[in-house]
Protein backbone atom coordinates (compact mmCIF):
# COMPACT_ATOMS: atom_id res chain seq x y z
CA MET A 1 -26.19 -13.85 -13.96
CA GLN A 2 -28.11 -13.20 -10.76
CA SER A 3 -25.82 -15.48 -8.74
CA ILE A 4 -22.79 -13.57 -9.99
CA ARG A 5 -24.43 -10.22 -9.24
CA SER A 6 -25.37 -11.32 -5.72
CA ALA A 7 -21.78 -12.47 -5.08
CA LEU A 8 -20.33 -9.04 -5.93
CA PRO A 9 -19.25 -6.88 -2.98
CA PRO A 10 -21.67 -4.14 -1.86
CA GLU A 11 -21.42 -0.81 -3.70
CA GLN A 12 -20.05 0.96 -0.62
CA THR A 13 -17.23 -1.61 -0.41
CA VAL A 14 -16.43 -1.17 -4.10
CA ARG A 15 -16.29 2.62 -3.70
CA GLU A 16 -13.97 2.43 -0.69
CA LEU A 17 -11.74 -0.08 -2.48
CA ALA A 18 -11.54 2.29 -5.46
CA ARG A 19 -10.55 5.14 -3.10
CA VAL A 20 -7.80 3.04 -1.51
CA PHE A 21 -6.43 1.91 -4.88
CA ALA A 22 -6.53 5.51 -6.17
CA LEU A 23 -4.65 6.58 -3.04
CA LEU A 24 -2.05 3.89 -3.67
CA ALA A 25 -1.64 4.91 -7.32
CA ASP A 26 0.87 7.57 -6.22
CA PRO A 27 4.53 6.43 -6.51
CA GLY A 28 5.57 8.34 -3.38
CA ARG A 29 2.91 6.67 -1.25
CA LEU A 30 3.83 3.30 -2.74
CA ARG A 31 7.48 3.86 -1.77
CA LEU A 32 6.35 4.60 1.78
CA THR A 33 4.27 1.44 1.97
CA ALA A 34 7.10 -0.63 0.46
CA ALA A 35 9.49 0.76 3.09
CA LEU A 36 7.04 -0.14 5.84
CA LEU A 37 6.63 -3.61 4.36
CA GLN A 38 10.41 -4.10 4.67
CA ALA A 39 11.03 -2.35 8.00
CA GLY A 40 7.83 -3.08 9.87
CA GLU A 41 7.75 0.29 11.63
CA MET A 42 9.51 3.60 10.98
CA CYS A 43 9.33 7.22 12.09
CA VAL A 44 8.51 10.02 9.65
CA SER A 45 12.06 11.33 9.31
CA ASP A 46 13.45 7.85 8.59
CA LEU A 47 10.71 7.19 6.04
CA ALA A 48 11.46 10.52 4.36
CA ALA A 49 15.18 9.72 4.20
CA VAL A 50 14.69 6.18 2.89
CA THR A 51 12.18 7.19 0.21
CA GLY A 52 13.90 10.43 -0.84
CA GLN A 53 10.88 12.59 -0.02
CA SER A 54 10.68 15.71 2.11
CA THR A 55 9.47 15.33 5.68
CA SER A 56 6.46 17.50 4.83
CA ALA A 57 5.47 15.38 1.82
CA THR A 58 6.01 12.21 3.85
CA SER A 59 3.82 13.48 6.71
CA HIS A 60 1.08 14.48 4.28
CA ALA A 61 1.17 11.11 2.51
CA LEU A 62 1.11 9.22 5.81
CA ARG A 63 -1.88 11.26 6.98
CA LEU A 64 -3.79 10.26 3.83
CA LEU A 65 -2.76 6.62 4.22
CA ARG A 66 -3.85 6.67 7.86
CA MET A 67 -7.24 8.20 6.99
CA HIS A 68 -7.90 5.21 4.73
CA HIS A 69 -6.63 2.65 7.27
CA VAL A 70 -3.61 1.67 5.19
CA VAL A 71 -1.17 2.58 7.99
CA GLN A 72 -1.37 2.98 11.76
CA VAL A 73 0.58 5.32 14.00
CA ARG A 74 2.15 4.76 17.42
CA ARG A 75 3.34 7.84 19.26
CA THR A 76 6.22 7.94 21.73
CA GLY A 77 6.73 11.47 22.97
CA ARG A 78 7.05 13.68 19.91
CA LEU A 79 7.90 10.83 17.54
CA ALA A 80 5.27 9.14 15.40
CA HIS A 81 6.08 5.59 14.31
CA TYR A 82 4.12 4.22 11.35
CA ARG A 83 3.42 0.65 10.29
CA LEU A 84 1.09 -1.03 7.82
CA ALA A 85 -2.37 -1.26 9.35
CA ASP A 86 -2.74 -5.01 9.43
CA SER A 87 -1.72 -8.32 7.92
CA HIS A 88 -4.16 -7.79 5.04
CA MET A 89 -2.31 -4.67 3.93
CA ARG A 90 1.03 -6.48 4.24
CA MET A 91 -0.31 -9.37 2.15
CA LEU A 92 -1.77 -6.99 -0.45
CA PHE A 93 1.54 -5.18 -0.95
CA ASP A 94 3.59 -8.35 -0.87
CA LEU A 95 1.32 -9.95 -3.49
CA ALA A 96 1.34 -6.82 -5.66
CA ILE A 97 5.14 -6.64 -5.61
CA THR A 98 5.39 -10.36 -6.39
CA HIS A 99 2.86 -9.96 -9.20
CA ILE A 100 4.77 -7.11 -10.82
CA GLY A 101 7.99 -9.11 -10.63
CA HIS A 102 6.21 -12.08 -12.15
CA VAL A 103 4.68 -10.24 -15.10
CA THR A 104 7.78 -8.18 -15.83
CA ASP A 105 10.22 -11.11 -15.68
CA PRO A 106 12.03 -11.02 -19.05
CA HIS A 107 12.29 -14.83 -19.02
CA ARG A 108 8.49 -15.04 -19.15
CA GLN A 109 8.19 -12.96 -22.33
CA GLY A 110 6.35 -14.88 -25.00
CA ARG A 111 5.08 -17.54 -22.58
CA ARG A 112 1.44 -18.15 -21.94
CA ASN A 113 0.10 -16.32 -18.87
CA ASP A 114 -0.55 -19.06 -16.33
CA GLY A 115 -1.80 -16.78 -13.55
């Protein structure tokens, strides 16, 4: 038991991970991250249009995502262009989307879960 306990991430890491996952539990923010996964980089107005959210709601969501290092911003003049923060975030979202597709595949119903 001690070896398992010592292999667990530090409490501060667990708390920050919980905050990030709670932040990502919002469908609007997930749509924004999915759009960035596909496009690479987009400005606020384009993200709002693609995701069907208001510019204000999009800006607010992006500010929260940026505070937790999920996205980064690049400014050119008055435009702010957002992208996923790093390859880890891209991998996390890509894996999550693949996972959901895998577990919700109707052809897999009734089969043993093989991971």
